[in-house]
Each structure stands twice: as C-alpha cells, then as structure tokens.
Amino acid sequence: MSDLPPCPNCSSPYTYEDAAMFVCPECGHEWAEQVADDTGSDEGGIRDAHGTVLADGDSVTVIKDLKVKGSSLVVKVGTKVKNIRLVGGDHDIDCKIDGIGAMKLKSEFVKKA
C-alpha cells in the first residue's frame, strides 16, 4: 500500500485503486491517477468537460441544457459564451449570457470554443 498516493482531500494513507481511479475509504474522495501525479504542476488550472485548460477571456459553448435557478429561463445546448472570467468556488466561470444576463457556470458543463 505504500506505493499508492495519499488522499489529496484528507491525507489518509489508506487509499486503494479501483479501475483507473484512486479511492479514499475514510472520506470517500475519488480521483484519477493523472490528478494524483499532476497536483502541483497546473496551478489553479480550470478545465472544461473535455479536459482542455480554460483561461480568462476564452469563449466556451454550453454542452447541456441548464436551468437558471430562480426563474423559468433555460440556457440551451450550443449557447456560445464569450469573454469568460475564471473565479474560485463551485461555479468557477463568471460570464454574461445574451438574453439572460450575468451568471456563474460550472466548467464541467462547457467546452472551449
């Protein structure tokens, strides 16, 4: 077990391998082997749904219908969002969408255009 990396979430040494993923039995955190090897090489790199690194000012395309919380509006698949700004937190993209206004998106629901 000493050749497996410790959990990046809770630092537990009791991790195990499940297919292509590492799993921590103490906190339940799962991560890919690539993430375990690249933890310090990509400082704060936010990636889209296909793994492409995003940067401030990029244009992205929405890959899934997204309901806008608190309204009846929907951001449709294929909506192109220009000039994004990357921020910290769960919703890591700050943008302005035509017809809807300013909102935050999760990077897992967009691809780089």
Protein backbone atom coordinates (compact mmCIF):
# COMPACT_ATOMS: atom_id res chain seq x y z
CA MET A 1 0.00 0.00 0.00
CA SER A 2 2.96 2.33 0.35
CA ASP A 3 3.25 2.81 -3.44
CA LEU A 4 -0.24 4.38 -3.67
CA PRO A 5 -0.53 8.16 -3.18
CA PRO A 6 -2.24 9.51 -0.05
CA CYS A 7 -5.68 11.09 -0.36
CA PRO A 8 -5.37 14.73 -1.58
CA ASN A 9 -8.52 15.59 0.38
CA CYS A 10 -7.77 14.24 3.88
CA SER A 11 -4.16 12.92 3.53
CA SER A 12 -5.20 9.39 4.52
CA PRO A 13 -2.58 6.74 3.67
CA TYR A 14 -5.25 4.03 3.30
CA THR A 15 -6.14 4.63 -0.36
CA TYR A 16 -6.89 1.86 -2.80
CA GLU A 17 -7.14 1.56 -6.57
CA ASP A 18 -10.48 0.92 -8.29
CA ALA A 19 -10.06 0.55 -12.08
CA ALA A 20 -8.48 3.86 -13.21
CA MET A 21 -9.45 5.74 -10.03
CA PHE A 22 -7.98 6.02 -6.54
CA VAL A 23 -10.46 5.89 -3.64
CA CYS A 24 -10.11 7.01 -0.03
CA PRO A 25 -12.10 4.78 2.36
CA GLU A 26 -12.03 7.39 5.14
CA CYS A 27 -13.54 10.42 3.38
CA GLY A 28 -14.93 8.77 0.21
CA HIS A 29 -12.93 11.03 -2.13
CA GLU A 30 -12.22 9.60 -5.62
CA TRP A 31 -9.64 10.93 -8.04
CA ALA A 32 -7.96 9.87 -11.26
CA GLU A 33 -4.36 8.75 -11.36
CA GLN A 34 -3.46 11.72 -13.59
CA VAL A 35 -4.72 14.19 -10.98
CA ALA A 36 -2.64 12.49 -8.29
CA ASP A 37 0.51 12.85 -10.39
CA ASP A 38 -0.12 16.44 -11.53
CA THR A 39 -1.21 18.04 -8.26
CA GLY A 40 1.34 20.85 -8.29
CA SER A 41 2.12 21.28 -11.97
CA ASP A 42 -1.04 23.12 -13.08
CA GLU A 43 -1.61 25.91 -10.56
CA GLY A 44 -5.35 26.51 -10.32
CA GLY A 45 -5.98 25.25 -13.83
CA ILE A 46 -9.70 25.06 -14.52
CA ARG A 47 -10.58 22.53 -17.20
CA ASP A 48 -13.67 22.18 -19.37
CA ALA A 49 -15.71 19.00 -19.80
CA HIS A 50 -13.14 17.58 -22.25
CA GLY A 51 -10.08 18.40 -20.12
CA THR A 52 -8.93 21.49 -22.02
CA VAL A 53 -7.44 24.19 -19.77
CA LEU A 54 -9.52 27.39 -19.72
CA ALA A 55 -8.21 30.94 -19.34
CA ASP A 56 -9.74 34.37 -18.75
CA GLY A 57 -11.20 35.81 -21.95
CA ASP A 58 -11.85 32.45 -23.63
CA SER A 59 -15.07 31.61 -25.43
CA VAL A 60 -16.95 28.47 -24.41
CA THR A 61 -20.01 26.55 -25.61
CA VAL A 62 -22.61 25.07 -23.26
CA ILE A 63 -22.89 21.27 -23.68
CA LYS A 64 -26.07 20.65 -21.65
CA ASP A 65 -29.38 22.46 -21.11
CA LEU A 66 -29.00 24.40 -17.86
CA LYS A 67 -31.97 25.66 -15.86
CA VAL A 68 -31.47 29.12 -14.37
CA LYS A 69 -32.18 28.93 -10.67
CA GLY A 70 -34.97 31.23 -9.55
CA SER A 71 -36.51 31.73 -12.98
CA SER A 72 -38.11 29.82 -15.83
CA LEU A 73 -35.22 30.56 -18.21
CA VAL A 74 -33.01 27.81 -19.69
CA VAL A 75 -29.53 28.13 -21.19
CA LYS A 76 -29.76 25.87 -24.26
CA VAL A 77 -27.17 23.43 -25.57
CA GLY A 78 -24.85 25.13 -28.04
CA THR A 79 -25.10 28.60 -26.48
CA LYS A 80 -21.77 30.34 -27.05
CA VAL A 81 -20.45 32.41 -24.17
CA LYS A 82 -17.70 34.92 -24.94
CA ASN A 83 -15.12 36.55 -22.69
CA ILE A 84 -15.41 34.33 -19.61
CA ARG A 85 -13.74 35.14 -16.29
CA LEU A 86 -12.42 32.35 -14.06
CA VAL A 87 -13.20 32.58 -10.34
CA GLY A 88 -12.80 30.28 -7.35
CA GLY A 89 -15.57 28.18 -5.86
CA ASP A 90 -18.02 25.57 -7.05
CA HIS A 91 -19.26 27.63 -10.02
CA ASP A 92 -15.88 28.59 -11.44
CA ILE A 93 -16.85 30.58 -14.55
CA ASP A 94 -18.27 34.11 -14.35
CA CYS A 95 -19.90 35.29 -17.59
CA LYS A 96 -22.63 37.27 -19.25
CA ILE A 97 -25.10 35.39 -21.47
CA ASP A 98 -27.17 37.27 -24.08
CA GLY A 99 -30.84 37.32 -23.14
CA ILE A 100 -30.20 36.13 -19.59
CA GLY A 101 -27.52 38.37 -18.09
CA ALA A 102 -24.69 37.79 -15.67
CA MET A 103 -24.37 34.30 -14.22
CA LYS A 104 -21.93 31.70 -12.97
CA LEU A 105 -21.36 28.35 -14.65
CA LYS A 106 -19.62 25.13 -13.70
CA SER A 107 -16.73 24.26 -16.00
CA GLU A 108 -17.99 20.68 -16.31
CA PHE A 109 -20.94 21.90 -18.44
CA VAL A 110 -18.92 23.82 -21.06
CA LYS A 111 -16.34 23.11 -23.75
CA LYS A 112 -13.78 25.51 -25.13
CA ALA A 113 -14.93 27.05 -28.42
